[in-house]
Amino acid sequence: MDAIFVLRRRVDLAGAQRSGHAFVMVLDWSKAFDSINPESMLAGLRRFGLTEHVLGVIAAVYAGRDFRVRDCSAESSSRQ
């Protein structure tokens, strides 16, 4: 709900300004961590003209990916 609120607010603000432009990027990260090639994704986003700063932030999400499963008091070992 927060993301939708922020998006609507940005669209409203863009409409109130002279330029009337709003740039929005939506990422669907469901299953992204185990099915996406981060280098290919970053290359594609670079072609869309994202700044190196934004690309760095997105790349940081995918750097050193590992997970653990926790169930009540039990926790699995770390896996990539």
C-alpha atoms as a PDB file:
ATOM      1  CA  MET A   1       0.000   0.000   0.000  1.00  0.00           C
ATOM      2  CA  ASP A   2       2.852   2.396   0.775  1.00  0.00           C
ATOM      3  CA  ALA A   3       4.359   1.940  -2.689  1.00  0.00           C
ATOM      4  CA  ILE A   4       1.014   2.694  -4.338  1.00  0.00           C
ATOM      5  CA  PHE A   5       0.614   5.818  -2.199  1.00  0.00           C
ATOM      6  CA  VAL A   6       4.080   7.054  -3.150  1.00  0.00           C
ATOM      7  CA  LEU A   7       3.434   6.366  -6.840  1.00  0.00           C
ATOM      8  CA  ARG A   8       0.118   8.213  -6.794  1.00  0.00           C
ATOM      9  CA  ARG A   9       1.712  11.144  -4.972  1.00  0.00           C
ATOM     10  CA  ARG A  10       4.510  11.357  -7.582  1.00  0.00           C
ATOM     11  CA  VAL A  11       1.974  11.281 -10.425  1.00  0.00           C
ATOM     12  CA  ASP A  12      -0.088  14.005  -8.731  1.00  0.00           C
ATOM     13  CA  LEU A  13       3.011  16.180  -8.217  1.00  0.00           C
ATOM     14  CA  ALA A  14       4.112  15.687 -11.826  1.00  0.00           C
ATOM     15  CA  GLY A  15       0.665  16.719 -13.024  1.00  0.00           C
ATOM     16  CA  ALA A  16       0.857  19.903 -10.947  1.00  0.00           C
ATOM     17  CA  GLN A  17       4.207  20.912 -12.456  1.00  0.00           C
ATOM     18  CA  ARG A  18       4.744  22.498 -15.843  1.00  0.00           C
ATOM     19  CA  SER A  19       6.658  19.582 -17.312  1.00  0.00           C
ATOM     20  CA  GLY A  20       4.046  17.053 -16.276  1.00  0.00           C
ATOM     21  CA  HIS A  21       6.602  14.236 -16.487  1.00  0.00           C
ATOM     22  CA  ALA A  22       7.028  11.385 -14.031  1.00  0.00           C
ATOM     23  CA  PHE A  23       9.482   8.548 -14.450  1.00  0.00           C
ATOM     24  CA  VAL A  24       8.559   5.299 -12.769  1.00  0.00           C
ATOM     25  CA  MET A  25      10.361   1.989 -12.655  1.00  0.00           C
ATOM     26  CA  VAL A  26       8.581  -1.041 -11.233  1.00  0.00           C
ATOM     27  CA  LEU A  27      10.483  -4.204 -10.383  1.00  0.00           C
ATOM     28  CA  ASP A  28       8.677  -7.460  -9.706  1.00  0.00           C
ATOM     29  CA  TRP A  29      11.141  -9.257  -7.460  1.00  0.00           C
ATOM     30  CA  SER A  30       9.076 -12.379  -6.854  1.00  0.00           C
ATOM     31  CA  LYS A  31      11.373 -15.320  -7.526  1.00  0.00           C
ATOM     32  CA  ALA A  32      14.002 -12.833  -8.734  1.00  0.00           C
ATOM     33  CA  PHE A  33      16.709 -13.995  -6.373  1.00  0.00           C
ATOM     34  CA  ASP A  34      16.863 -17.524  -7.730  1.00  0.00           C
ATOM     35  CA  SER A  35      15.955 -17.035 -11.385  1.00  0.00           C
ATOM     36  CA  ILE A  36      17.583 -13.849 -12.670  1.00  0.00           C
ATOM     37  CA  ASN A  37      21.057 -13.206 -14.009  1.00  0.00           C
ATOM     38  CA  PRO A  38      22.056  -9.971 -12.224  1.00  0.00           C
ATOM     39  CA  GLU A  39      24.641  -8.997 -14.872  1.00  0.00           C
ATOM     40  CA  SER A  40      22.062  -9.295 -17.675  1.00  0.00           C
ATOM     41  CA  MET A  41      19.487  -7.377 -15.679  1.00  0.00           C
ATOM     42  CA  LEU A  42      21.935  -4.539 -14.963  1.00  0.00           C
ATOM     43  CA  ALA A  43      22.971  -4.403 -18.630  1.00  0.00           C
ATOM     44  CA  GLY A  44      19.307  -4.077 -19.613  1.00  0.00           C
ATOM     45  CA  LEU A  45      18.666  -1.370 -17.038  1.00  0.00           C
ATOM     46  CA  ARG A  46      21.787   0.463 -18.223  1.00  0.00           C
ATOM     47  CA  ARG A  47      20.341   0.481 -21.765  1.00  0.00           C
ATOM     48  CA  PHE A  48      17.214   2.128 -20.331  1.00  0.00           C
ATOM     49  CA  GLY A  49      19.450   4.969 -19.135  1.00  0.00           C
ATOM     50  CA  LEU A  50      19.543   4.425 -15.377  1.00  0.00           C
ATOM     51  CA  THR A  51      22.340   6.285 -13.651  1.00  0.00           C
ATOM     52  CA  GLU A  52      25.353   4.434 -12.277  1.00  0.00           C
ATOM     53  CA  HIS A  53      24.241   5.359  -8.756  1.00  0.00           C
ATOM     54  CA  VAL A  54      20.848   3.673  -9.202  1.00  0.00           C
ATOM     55  CA  LEU A  55      22.491   0.682 -10.892  1.00  0.00           C
ATOM     56  CA  GLY A  56      24.870   0.404  -7.943  1.00  0.00           C
ATOM     57  CA  VAL A  57      21.977   0.355  -5.483  1.00  0.00           C
ATOM     58  CA  ILE A  58      20.225  -2.394  -7.453  1.00  0.00           C
ATOM     59  CA  ALA A  59      23.486  -4.355  -7.833  1.00  0.00           C
ATOM     60  CA  ALA A  60      23.994  -4.209  -4.060  1.00  0.00           C
ATOM     61  CA  VAL A  61      20.712  -6.050  -3.552  1.00  0.00           C
ATOM     62  CA  TYR A  62      22.059  -8.968  -5.599  1.00  0.00           C
ATOM     63  CA  ALA A  63      25.617  -8.993  -4.217  1.00  0.00           C
ATOM     64  CA  GLY A  64      26.508 -11.870  -1.900  1.00  0.00           C
ATOM     65  CA  ARG A  65      23.059 -13.430  -2.026  1.00  0.00           C
ATOM     66  CA  ASP A  66      22.479 -16.132   0.533  1.00  0.00           C
ATOM     67  CA  PHE A  67      19.580 -17.322   2.633  1.00  0.00           C
ATOM     68  CA  ARG A  68      18.645 -19.279   5.740  1.00  0.00           C
ATOM     69  CA  VAL A  69      15.389 -20.880   6.724  1.00  0.00           C
ATOM     70  CA  ARG A  70      14.182 -20.214  10.242  1.00  0.00           C
ATOM     71  CA  ASP A  71      11.286 -22.118  11.789  1.00  0.00           C
ATOM     72  CA  CYS A  72      10.518 -21.292  15.406  1.00  0.00           C
ATOM     73  CA  SER A  73      13.838 -21.864  17.164  1.00  0.00           C
ATOM     74  CA  ALA A  74      15.536 -23.955  14.424  1.00  0.00           C
ATOM     75  CA  GLU A  75      17.635 -22.351  11.709  1.00  0.00           C
ATOM     76  CA  SER A  76      19.268 -23.925   8.661  1.00  0.00           C
ATOM     77  CA  SER A  77      22.817 -23.318   7.534  1.00  0.00           C
ATOM     78  CA  SER A  78      23.479 -20.460   5.118  1.00  0.00           C
ATOM     79  CA  ARG A  79      23.178 -21.304   1.406  1.00  0.00           C
ATOM     80  CA  GLN A  80      23.597 -19.338  -1.798  1.00  0.00           C
END
